[in-house]
Structure formats: C-alpha cells, structure tokens
C-alpha atoms as a PDB file:
ATOM      1  CA  UNK A   1       0.000   0.000   0.000  1.00  0.00           C
ATOM      2  CA  UNK A   2       1.078   3.596  -0.540  1.00  0.00           C
ATOM      3  CA  UNK A   3       2.680   4.960   2.619  1.00  0.00           C
ATOM      4  CA  UNK A   4       0.905   8.290   2.346  1.00  0.00           C
ATOM      5  CA  UNK A   5      -2.507   6.693   2.895  1.00  0.00           C
ATOM      6  CA  UNK A   6      -1.065   4.796   5.857  1.00  0.00           C
ATOM      7  CA  UNK A   7       0.207   7.974   7.487  1.00  0.00           C
ATOM      8  CA  UNK A   8      -3.055   9.793   6.834  1.00  0.00           C
ATOM      9  CA  UNK A   9      -4.864   6.984   8.645  1.00  0.00           C
ATOM     10  CA  UNK A  10      -2.461   7.295  11.561  1.00  0.00           C
ATOM     11  CA  UNK A  11      -3.050  11.017  11.772  1.00  0.00           C
ATOM     12  CA  UNK A  12      -6.805  10.557  11.730  1.00  0.00           C
ATOM     13  CA  UNK A  13      -6.482   8.261  14.705  1.00  0.00           C
ATOM     14  CA  UNK A  14      -4.316  10.809  16.511  1.00  0.00           C
ATOM     15  CA  UNK A  15      -6.693  13.611  15.617  1.00  0.00           C
ATOM     16  CA  UNK A  16      -9.721  11.721  16.890  1.00  0.00           C
ATOM     17  CA  UNK A  17      -8.053  11.152  20.263  1.00  0.00           C
ATOM     18  CA  UNK A  18      -7.205  14.849  20.593  1.00  0.00           C
ATOM     19  CA  UNK A  19     -10.519  16.248  19.369  1.00  0.00           C
ATOM     20  CA  UNK A  20     -11.927  16.859  22.826  1.00  0.00           C
ATOM     21  CA  UNK A  21      -8.964  18.976  23.884  1.00  0.00           C
ATOM     22  CA  UNK A  22      -9.125  20.987  20.652  1.00  0.00           C
ATOM     23  CA  UNK A  23     -12.765  21.897  21.296  1.00  0.00           C
ATOM     24  CA  UNK A  24     -12.015  23.044  24.838  1.00  0.00           C
ATOM     25  CA  UNK A  25      -9.100  25.212  23.686  1.00  0.00           C
ATOM     26  CA  UNK A  26     -11.067  27.121  21.031  1.00  0.00           C
ATOM     27  CA  UNK A  27     -10.475  30.844  21.448  1.00  0.00           C
ATOM     28  CA  UNK A  28     -11.170  34.125  19.680  1.00  0.00           C
ATOM     29  CA  UNK A  29      -9.267  34.926  16.502  1.00  0.00           C
ATOM     30  CA  UNK A  30      -5.696  35.720  17.469  1.00  0.00           C
ATOM     31  CA  UNK A  31      -3.688  38.703  16.383  1.00  0.00           C
ATOM     32  CA  UNK A  32      -1.683  36.419  14.124  1.00  0.00           C
ATOM     33  CA  UNK A  33      -4.918  35.102  12.655  1.00  0.00           C
ATOM     34  CA  UNK A  34      -6.111  38.622  11.940  1.00  0.00           C
ATOM     35  CA  UNK A  35      -2.852  39.387  10.155  1.00  0.00           C
ATOM     36  CA  UNK A  36      -3.272  36.298   7.981  1.00  0.00           C
ATOM     37  CA  UNK A  37      -6.836  37.341   7.255  1.00  0.00           C
ATOM     38  CA  UNK A  38      -5.647  40.781   6.166  1.00  0.00           C
ATOM     39  CA  UNK A  39      -3.133  39.232   3.768  1.00  0.00           C
ATOM     40  CA  UNK A  40      -5.835  36.967   2.334  1.00  0.00           C
ATOM     41  CA  UNK A  41      -8.313  39.812   1.917  1.00  0.00           C
ATOM     42  CA  UNK A  42      -5.712  42.047   0.311  1.00  0.00           C
ATOM     43  CA  UNK A  43      -4.823  39.374  -2.240  1.00  0.00           C
ATOM     44  CA  UNK A  44      -8.488  38.976  -3.139  1.00  0.00           C
ATOM     45  CA  UNK A  45      -8.928  42.722  -3.609  1.00  0.00           C
ATOM     46  CA  UNK A  46      -5.776  42.904  -5.748  1.00  0.00           C
ATOM     47  CA  UNK A  47      -6.942  39.974  -7.871  1.00  0.00           C
ATOM     48  CA  UNK A  48     -10.313  41.559  -8.500  1.00  0.00           C
ATOM     49  CA  UNK A  49      -8.627  44.739  -9.705  1.00  0.00           C
ATOM     50  CA  UNK A  50      -6.252  42.900 -12.058  1.00  0.00           C
ATOM     51  CA  UNK A  51      -8.278  42.142 -15.175  1.00  0.00           C
ATOM     52  CA  UNK A  52      -5.490  40.134 -16.800  1.00  0.00           C
ATOM     53  CA  UNK A  53      -5.181  37.699 -13.901  1.00  0.00           C
ATOM     54  CA  UNK A  54      -8.924  37.647 -13.390  1.00  0.00           C
ATOM     55  CA  UNK A  55      -9.545  36.697 -17.025  1.00  0.00           C
ATOM     56  CA  UNK A  56      -6.870  34.007 -16.870  1.00  0.00           C
ATOM     57  CA  UNK A  57      -8.179  32.439 -13.666  1.00  0.00           C
ATOM     58  CA  UNK A  58     -11.834  32.468 -14.716  1.00  0.00           C
ATOM     59  CA  UNK A  59     -11.157  31.781 -18.415  1.00  0.00           C
ATOM     60  CA  UNK A  60     -13.173  34.907 -19.171  1.00  0.00           C
ATOM     61  CA  UNK A  61     -16.251  33.504 -17.442  1.00  0.00           C
ATOM     62  CA  UNK A  62     -18.361  36.573 -16.752  1.00  0.00           C
ATOM     63  CA  UNK A  63     -20.333  34.890 -13.963  1.00  0.00           C
ATOM     64  CA  UNK A  64     -17.219  33.835 -12.086  1.00  0.00           C
ATOM     65  CA  UNK A  65     -15.647  37.265 -12.580  1.00  0.00           C
ATOM     66  CA  UNK A  66     -18.738  38.896 -11.093  1.00  0.00           C
ATOM     67  CA  UNK A  67     -18.657  36.521  -8.106  1.00  0.00           C
ATOM     68  CA  UNK A  68     -15.002  37.308  -7.409  1.00  0.00           C
ATOM     69  CA  UNK A  69     -15.565  41.031  -7.696  1.00  0.00           C
ATOM     70  CA  UNK A  70     -18.558  40.830  -5.337  1.00  0.00           C
ATOM     71  CA  UNK A  71     -16.497  38.937  -2.765  1.00  0.00           C
ATOM     72  CA  UNK A  72     -13.663  41.444  -3.239  1.00  0.00           C
ATOM     73  CA  UNK A  73     -16.054  44.307  -2.509  1.00  0.00           C
ATOM     74  CA  UNK A  74     -17.018  42.718   0.793  1.00  0.00           C
ATOM     75  CA  UNK A  75     -13.375  41.925   1.497  1.00  0.00           C
ATOM     76  CA  UNK A  76     -12.405  45.534   0.863  1.00  0.00           C
ATOM     77  CA  UNK A  77     -14.842  46.732   3.524  1.00  0.00           C
ATOM     78  CA  UNK A  78     -13.540  44.223   6.065  1.00  0.00           C
ATOM     79  CA  UNK A  79      -9.970  45.094   5.170  1.00  0.00           C
ATOM     80  CA  UNK A  80     -10.541  48.802   5.761  1.00  0.00           C
ATOM     81  CA  UNK A  81     -11.966  48.040   9.195  1.00  0.00           C
ATOM     82  CA  UNK A  82      -8.936  45.937  10.135  1.00  0.00           C
ATOM     83  CA  UNK A  83      -6.498  48.494   8.740  1.00  0.00           C
ATOM     84  CA  UNK A  84      -8.098  51.229  10.817  1.00  0.00           C
ATOM     85  CA  UNK A  85      -6.574  49.502  13.860  1.00  0.00           C
ATOM     86  CA  UNK A  86      -3.100  51.058  13.922  1.00  0.00           C
ATOM     87  CA  UNK A  87      -1.867  48.741  16.669  1.00  0.00           C
ATOM     88  CA  UNK A  88      -2.890  45.704  14.636  1.00  0.00           C
ATOM     89  CA  UNK A  89      -1.262  47.078  11.487  1.00  0.00           C
ATOM     90  CA  UNK A  90       2.005  47.654  13.351  1.00  0.00           C
ATOM     91  CA  UNK A  91       1.932  44.158  14.824  1.00  0.00           C
ATOM     92  CA  UNK A  92       1.147  42.630  11.433  1.00  0.00           C
ATOM     93  CA  UNK A  93       4.144  44.336   9.856  1.00  0.00           C
ATOM     94  CA  UNK A  94       6.384  42.397  12.244  1.00  0.00           C
ATOM     95  CA  UNK A  95       4.419  39.130  12.037  1.00  0.00           C
ATOM     96  CA  UNK A  96       4.261  39.181   8.237  1.00  0.00           C
ATOM     97  CA  UNK A  97       7.967  39.916   7.943  1.00  0.00           C
ATOM     98  CA  UNK A  98       8.786  36.964  10.189  1.00  0.00           C
ATOM     99  CA  UNK A  99       6.449  34.698   8.214  1.00  0.00           C
ATOM    100  CA  UNK A 100       8.005  35.768   4.918  1.00  0.00           C
ATOM    101  CA  UNK A 101      11.497  35.140   6.294  1.00  0.00           C
ATOM    102  CA  UNK A 102      10.514  31.650   7.439  1.00  0.00           C
ATOM    103  CA  UNK A 103       8.933  30.863   4.068  1.00  0.00           C
ATOM    104  CA  UNK A 104      12.060  31.965   2.221  1.00  0.00           C
ATOM    105  CA  UNK A 105      14.296  29.895   4.473  1.00  0.00           C
ATOM    106  CA  UNK A 106      12.156  26.815   3.946  1.00  0.00           C
ATOM    107  CA  UNK A 107      12.183  27.464   0.218  1.00  0.00           C
ATOM    108  CA  UNK A 108      15.975  27.609   0.398  1.00  0.00           C
ATOM    109  CA  UNK A 109      16.106  24.226   2.172  1.00  0.00           C
ATOM    110  CA  UNK A 110      13.725  22.664  -0.361  1.00  0.00           C
ATOM    111  CA  UNK A 111      15.589  24.009  -3.367  1.00  0.00           C
ATOM    112  CA  UNK A 112      18.956  22.887  -1.993  1.00  0.00           C
ATOM    113  CA  UNK A 113      17.672  19.378  -1.481  1.00  0.00           C
ATOM    114  CA  UNK A 114      16.013  19.246  -4.882  1.00  0.00           C
ATOM    115  CA  UNK A 115      19.100  20.489  -6.709  1.00  0.00           C
ATOM    116  CA  UNK A 116      21.169  17.875  -4.893  1.00  0.00           C
ATOM    117  CA  UNK A 117      18.625  15.196  -5.783  1.00  0.00           C
ATOM    118  CA  UNK A 118      18.595  16.226  -9.459  1.00  0.00           C
ATOM    119  CA  UNK A 119      22.395  15.984  -9.588  1.00  0.00           C
ATOM    120  CA  UNK A 120      22.271  12.373  -8.397  1.00  0.00           C
ATOM    121  CA  UNK A 121      21.635  10.424 -11.611  1.00  0.00           C
ATOM    122  CA  UNK A 122      21.104   7.169  -9.729  1.00  0.00           C
ATOM    123  CA  UNK A 123      18.461   8.668  -7.450  1.00  0.00           C
ATOM    124  CA  UNK A 124      16.704  10.353 -10.372  1.00  0.00           C
ATOM    125  CA  UNK A 125      16.708   7.157 -12.430  1.00  0.00           C
ATOM    126  CA  UNK A 126      15.239   5.231  -9.517  1.00  0.00           C
ATOM    127  CA  UNK A 127      12.570   7.831  -8.768  1.00  0.00           C
ATOM    128  CA  UNK A 128      11.486   8.087 -12.411  1.00  0.00           C
ATOM    129  CA  UNK A 129      11.996   4.413 -13.274  1.00  0.00           C
ATOM    130  CA  UNK A 130      14.320   5.647 -16.041  1.00  0.00           C
ATOM    131  CA  UNK A 131      11.533   7.561 -17.751  1.00  0.00           C
ATOM    132  CA  UNK A 132      13.382   9.902 -20.117  1.00  0.00           C
ATOM    133  CA  UNK A 133      10.596  12.490 -20.175  1.00  0.00           C
ATOM    134  CA  UNK A 134      10.402  12.685 -16.392  1.00  0.00           C
ATOM    135  CA  UNK A 135      14.187  12.852 -16.111  1.00  0.00           C
ATOM    136  CA  UNK A 136      14.266  15.746 -18.582  1.00  0.00           C
ATOM    137  CA  UNK A 137      11.529  17.540 -16.623  1.00  0.00           C
ATOM    138  CA  UNK A 138      13.476  17.128 -13.382  1.00  0.00           C
ATOM    139  CA  UNK A 139      16.645  18.525 -14.948  1.00  0.00           C
ATOM    140  CA  UNK A 140      14.703  21.463 -16.352  1.00  0.00           C
ATOM    141  CA  UNK A 141      13.148  22.213 -12.969  1.00  0.00           C
ATOM    142  CA  UNK A 142      16.539  21.825 -11.298  1.00  0.00           C
ATOM    143  CA  UNK A 143      17.968  24.510 -13.565  1.00  0.00           C
ATOM    144  CA  UNK A 144      15.208  26.914 -12.533  1.00  0.00           C
ATOM    145  CA  UNK A 145      15.683  25.905  -8.901  1.00  0.00           C
ATOM    146  CA  UNK A 146      19.404  26.685  -9.066  1.00  0.00           C
ATOM    147  CA  UNK A 147      18.722  30.189 -10.335  1.00  0.00           C
ATOM    148  CA  UNK A 148      16.187  30.833  -7.587  1.00  0.00           C
ATOM    149  CA  UNK A 149      18.530  29.339  -5.003  1.00  0.00           C
ATOM    150  CA  UNK A 150      21.337  31.695  -5.996  1.00  0.00           C
ATOM    151  CA  UNK A 151      19.040  34.653  -5.410  1.00  0.00           C
ATOM    152  CA  UNK A 152      17.997  33.414  -1.978  1.00  0.00           C
ATOM    153  CA  UNK A 153      21.492  32.497  -0.788  1.00  0.00           C
ATOM    154  CA  UNK A 154      22.860  35.866  -1.893  1.00  0.00           C
ATOM    155  CA  UNK A 155      20.704  37.498   0.786  1.00  0.00           C
ATOM    156  CA  UNK A 156      23.038  37.448   3.778  1.00  0.00           C
ATOM    157  CA  UNK A 157      20.403  38.742   6.199  1.00  0.00           C
ATOM    158  CA  UNK A 158      18.013  35.964   5.221  1.00  0.00           C
ATOM    159  CA  UNK A 159      20.637  33.239   5.424  1.00  0.00           C
ATOM    160  CA  UNK A 160      21.723  34.413   8.863  1.00  0.00           C
ATOM    161  CA  UNK A 161      18.194  33.697  10.077  1.00  0.00           C
ATOM    162  CA  UNK A 162      17.774  30.315   8.339  1.00  0.00           C
ATOM    163  CA  UNK A 163      19.703  28.079  10.794  1.00  0.00           C
ATOM    164  CA  UNK A 164      17.147  28.877  13.502  1.00  0.00           C
ATOM    165  CA  UNK A 165      14.313  28.078  11.099  1.00  0.00           C
ATOM    166  CA  UNK A 166      15.924  24.754  10.211  1.00  0.00           C
ATOM    167  CA  UNK A 167      16.343  23.927  13.891  1.00  0.00           C
ATOM    168  CA  UNK A 168      12.656  24.620  14.517  1.00  0.00           C
ATOM    169  CA  UNK A 169      11.649  22.463  11.540  1.00  0.00           C
ATOM    170  CA  UNK A 170      13.808  19.583  12.742  1.00  0.00           C
ATOM    171  CA  UNK A 171      12.371  19.790  16.252  1.00  0.00           C
ATOM    172  CA  UNK A 172       8.849  19.812  14.815  1.00  0.00           C
ATOM    173  CA  UNK A 173       9.717  16.821  12.646  1.00  0.00           C
ATOM    174  CA  UNK A 174      10.902  14.945  15.716  1.00  0.00           C
ATOM    175  CA  UNK A 175       7.536  15.560  17.358  1.00  0.00           C
ATOM    176  CA  UNK A 176       5.687  14.278  14.310  1.00  0.00           C
ATOM    177  CA  UNK A 177       7.806  11.150  14.164  1.00  0.00           C
ATOM    178  CA  UNK A 178       7.004  10.591  17.828  1.00  0.00           C
ATOM    179  CA  UNK A 179       3.293  10.836  17.016  1.00  0.00           C
ATOM    180  CA  UNK A 180       3.718   8.041  14.487  1.00  0.00           C
ATOM    181  CA  UNK A 181       5.443   5.837  17.065  1.00  0.00           C
ATOM    182  CA  UNK A 182       2.809   6.657  19.685  1.00  0.00           C
ATOM    183  CA  UNK A 183       0.018   5.434  17.421  1.00  0.00           C
ATOM    184  CA  UNK A 184       1.829   2.144  16.812  1.00  0.00           C
ATOM    185  CA  UNK A 185       2.328   1.685  20.557  1.00  0.00           C
ATOM    186  CA  UNK A 186      -1.280   2.455  21.457  1.00  0.00           C
ATOM    187  CA  UNK A 187      -3.446  -0.568  20.661  1.00  0.00           C
ATOM    188  CA  UNK A 188      -6.641   1.483  20.694  1.00  0.00           C
ATOM    189  CA  UNK A 189      -5.349   3.913  18.099  1.00  0.00           C
ATOM    190  CA  UNK A 190      -3.734   1.092  16.154  1.00  0.00           C
ATOM    191  CA  UNK A 191      -7.065  -0.723  15.985  1.00  0.00           C
ATOM    192  CA  UNK A 192      -8.660   2.455  14.620  1.00  0.00           C
ATOM    193  CA  UNK A 193      -6.075   2.507  11.845  1.00  0.00           C
ATOM    194  CA  UNK A 194      -5.906  -1.198  11.011  1.00  0.00           C
ATOM    195  CA  UNK A 195      -9.636  -1.912  11.399  1.00  0.00           C
ATOM    196  CA  UNK A 196      -8.952  -5.589  11.890  1.00  0.00           C
ATOM    197  CA  UNK A 197      -6.499  -5.831   8.997  1.00  0.00           C
ATOM    198  CA  UNK A 198      -3.517  -7.691  10.457  1.00  0.00           C
ATOM    199  CA  UNK A 199      -1.361  -6.926   7.415  1.00  0.00           C
ATOM    200  CA  UNK A 200      -1.944  -3.208   7.807  1.00  0.00           C
ATOM    201  CA  UNK A 201      -1.235  -3.431  11.528  1.00  0.00           C
ATOM    202  CA  UNK A 202       2.080  -5.151  10.801  1.00  0.00           C
ATOM    203  CA  UNK A 203       2.985  -2.421   8.286  1.00  0.00           C
ATOM    204  CA  UNK A 204       2.300   0.284  10.856  1.00  0.00           C
ATOM    205  CA  UNK A 205       4.447  -1.449  13.457  1.00  0.00           C
ATOM    206  CA  UNK A 206       7.274  -2.034  10.962  1.00  0.00           C
ATOM    207  CA  UNK A 207       7.316   1.608   9.921  1.00  0.00           C
ATOM    208  CA  UNK A 208       7.148   2.752  13.540  1.00  0.00           C
ATOM    209  CA  UNK A 209      10.155   0.549  14.346  1.00  0.00           C
ATOM    210  CA  UNK A 210      12.188   2.310  11.660  1.00  0.00           C
ATOM    211  CA  UNK A 211      11.000   5.690  12.871  1.00  0.00           C
ATOM    212  CA  UNK A 212      11.931   4.792  16.441  1.00  0.00           C
ATOM    213  CA  UNK A 213      15.514   4.192  15.323  1.00  0.00           C
ATOM    214  CA  UNK A 214      15.629   7.684  13.830  1.00  0.00           C
ATOM    215  CA  UNK A 215      14.064   9.164  16.943  1.00  0.00           C
ATOM    216  CA  UNK A 216      16.565   7.463  19.223  1.00  0.00           C
ATOM    217  CA  UNK A 217      19.413   8.917  17.184  1.00  0.00           C
ATOM    218  CA  UNK A 218      17.934  12.411  17.360  1.00  0.00           C
ATOM    219  CA  UNK A 219      17.199  12.251  21.070  1.00  0.00           C
ATOM    220  CA  UNK A 220      20.694  11.020  21.873  1.00  0.00           C
ATOM    221  CA  UNK A 221      22.061  14.315  20.545  1.00  0.00           C
ATOM    222  CA  UNK A 222      22.188  16.443  23.694  1.00  0.00           C
ATOM    223  CA  UNK A 223      22.939  19.656  21.797  1.00  0.00           C
ATOM    224  CA  UNK A 224      20.005  19.131  19.472  1.00  0.00           C
ATOM    225  CA  UNK A 225      17.624  18.324  22.328  1.00  0.00           C
ATOM    226  CA  UNK A 226      18.785  21.364  24.301  1.00  0.00           C
ATOM    227  CA  UNK A 227      18.104  23.581  21.309  1.00  0.00           C
ATOM    228  CA  UNK A 228      14.609  22.105  20.958  1.00  0.00           C
ATOM    229  CA  UNK A 229      13.988  22.700  24.666  1.00  0.00           C
ATOM    230  CA  UNK A 230      14.911  26.361  24.243  1.00  0.00           C
ATOM    231  CA  UNK A 231      12.498  26.654  21.309  1.00  0.00           C
ATOM    232  CA  UNK A 232       9.787  25.199  23.534  1.00  0.00           C
ATOM    233  CA  UNK A 233      10.546  27.911  26.054  1.00  0.00           C
ATOM    234  CA  UNK A 234      11.644  25.384  28.695  1.00  0.00           C
ATOM    235  CA  UNK A 235      14.919  24.478  30.322  1.00  0.00           C
ATOM    236  CA  UNK A 236      14.106  20.787  30.175  1.00  0.00           C
ATOM    237  CA  UNK A 237      11.657  18.541  28.399  1.00  0.00           C
ATOM    238  CA  UNK A 238       9.317  16.203  30.196  1.00  0.00           C
ATOM    239  CA  UNK A 239       9.186  12.459  29.797  1.00  0.00           C
ATOM    240  CA  UNK A 240      10.635  11.429  26.463  1.00  0.00           C
ATOM    241  CA  UNK A 241      11.464  15.014  25.571  1.00  0.00           C
ATOM    242  CA  UNK A 242       8.597  15.369  23.119  1.00  0.00           C
ATOM    243  CA  UNK A 243       5.707  17.731  23.654  1.00  0.00           C
ATOM    244  CA  UNK A 244       2.320  17.527  21.987  1.00  0.00           C
ATOM    245  CA  UNK A 245       2.132  19.125  18.531  1.00  0.00           C
ATOM    246  CA  UNK A 246      -0.171  19.573  15.590  1.00  0.00           C
ATOM    247  CA  UNK A 247       0.517  16.756  13.122  1.00  0.00           C
ATOM    248  CA  UNK A 248      -1.504  17.886  10.133  1.00  0.00           C
ATOM    249  CA  UNK A 249       1.582  18.099   7.855  1.00  0.00           C
ATOM    250  CA  UNK A 250       3.033  14.690   8.692  1.00  0.00           C
ATOM    251  CA  UNK A 251       1.389  13.075   5.683  1.00  0.00           C
ATOM    252  CA  UNK A 252       3.620  15.161   3.439  1.00  0.00           C
ATOM    253  CA  UNK A 253       6.672  14.416   5.558  1.00  0.00           C
ATOM    254  CA  UNK A 254       6.351  10.680   4.885  1.00  0.00           C
ATOM    255  CA  UNK A 255       5.113  10.894   1.318  1.00  0.00           C
ATOM    256  CA  UNK A 256       6.782   7.790  -0.158  1.00  0.00           C
ATOM    257  CA  UNK A 257       8.241   4.579   1.232  1.00  0.00           C
ATOM    258  CA  UNK A 258      11.496   5.252   3.008  1.00  0.00           C
ATOM    259  CA  UNK A 259      10.903   8.991   3.047  1.00  0.00           C
ATOM    260  CA  UNK A 260      11.606   9.368   6.772  1.00  0.00           C
ATOM    261  CA  UNK A 261      14.530  11.748   6.776  1.00  0.00           C
ATOM    262  CA  UNK A 262      16.301  13.452   9.647  1.00  0.00           C
ATOM    263  CA  UNK A 263      17.563  16.973   9.154  1.00  0.00           C
ATOM    264  CA  UNK A 264      15.025  17.947   6.465  1.00  0.00           C
ATOM    265  CA  UNK A 265      12.273  20.454   6.873  1.00  0.00           C
ATOM    266  CA  UNK A 266       8.743  19.250   6.195  1.00  0.00           C
ATOM    267  CA  UNK A 267       8.439  21.449   3.136  1.00  0.00           C
ATOM    268  CA  UNK A 268      11.722  20.058   1.853  1.00  0.00           C
ATOM    269  CA  UNK A 269      10.428  16.512   1.930  1.00  0.00           C
ATOM    270  CA  UNK A 270       7.230  17.618   0.199  1.00  0.00           C
ATOM    271  CA  UNK A 271       9.247  19.216  -2.600  1.00  0.00           C
ATOM    272  CA  UNK A 272      11.478  16.193  -3.144  1.00  0.00           C
ATOM    273  CA  UNK A 273       8.510  13.849  -3.036  1.00  0.00           C
ATOM    274  CA  UNK A 274       6.563  15.979  -5.479  1.00  0.00           C
ATOM    275  CA  UNK A 275       9.289  16.231  -8.085  1.00  0.00           C
ATOM    276  CA  UNK A 276      10.208  12.580  -7.693  1.00  0.00           C
ATOM    277  CA  UNK A 277       6.774  11.359  -8.742  1.00  0.00           C
END
C-alpha cells in the first residue's frame, strides 16, 4: 500500500483522540490570525482589480468574474476596518515579515535538497523508473531551482536567520515522528487505523520501528535536544522530551516509502517527493 494513505490513517487516529482537547481550547481569533486574514483579503482585492489575472483564472467567465468582484467588494470593507486599527497594522508588519522570512528559508532548504537530488543520476533514475521524459523535466526544474537558489542564498540577512528556522523544523519533525510511534504503541489507536487488517497493523508497526531508530538517534544528541527545549521555552523537556504538537503536515513528511529523513524540513520533503513522482 502507498505509505501516504497509511500515514493519513495514523493522523486521523491521533486527531480523533485529541478532538476533545481541541474543542475546549477554542479561542477568539488571534492577532496572528487577523494578520493572515488581512493578507488573504488584500490578495483577493488585488486579484479583482487585475483584469489580466482575473480573465486568466476564470477563463473569461463573466459569472465567475462577477462573483469574485462581489467577494472582493465585501473583502475591501472588512480590510478597511482591520487596517483602521493602527496597533494591529504595526503588529502585522512584524508578524508578516517573520512569516516571509521563514517561508524563504524553507524554500531555500527545499531548493537545496532538490538540486542535490537532481544531480544524483542514480536517485533520479530510480525515482522516475528511467523515464526519459520525467528525467528531462526534473533537470529542467533543477535549472530553474538553481537560479532561484542563488538569489535566496545571496541574501546574507536571510541566510543568517535560516539556521534557527531549520532547527525549529527539525524539532517539529521529531515531534511528528514521535506521534507516528505513539500510534503504533497504542493498541486502541492502532485498531482504529488497522480496522482488523492484520497486514496493515504489521505495516504500521514495521514503519514505527524504523521511525523509532531515527528518533533514538535524534534524542541522543544532547545539543540538538537542548536547542529544541529552548524553542519550547523550557529548560528541560518532560518524559521522552517530546511535547504535543499539531501533526496535520506529517502526511507530506512521509510521502513515499522510506521517506523518513532526519535533518530535512517538512516542506523540503514535500518538494522532493513531489518532483520525484
């Protein structure tokens, strides 16, 4: 079976167990959420005012164009209300800058990995099953990736911030791997995933065993664990050193068989998996 569907099943089991806590912790829209909403609304307003993009997206469908413009009108009103809050606007300037920096760092990691992958003829041949068309497409994309990568790495301010972003990604990955192991070790959750299928249950346990090996290696690195503890805002970590985390992106992290990789950001694995198809 495809590993992605397996991981999605695991995450559903994890999500079901945590649902009660999520309901109890529901709160009002955060400042960060409002900033994201402002970005979304602004993009909609800009789209509606760009006839070229609007025509391309809707394929000149007058009905769809009218719908977008109507939504943009409503969005514009909401946006003006949010922008009238000077404190929020100031906070969003900082939040959006940090988000953009993180996105660019993760793009750098993904592009570096992809360029390295594309340069490995053996890996490319294996991923494409020696399909000449796919190999050519990968090489073409790698050329574009290299150009983009040069632009990103030439930004010294950005690259100075990227090690911290990578550290955070790796710590988050460790948490997600732990979630996978936890499901395999919890018979109730495992039963939810396997649904009586002993073969599927064996696959989950086998994958969890491999993941556990990776986790053990990560957790034996005192420097790495200390850095993760600092990111958690604690001097020490409780129990096995892993705190609870949102696992909604783990399906991408383990996209194909054998895709468990230490030291890669989640987005990086997604990129490699996507181009390798």
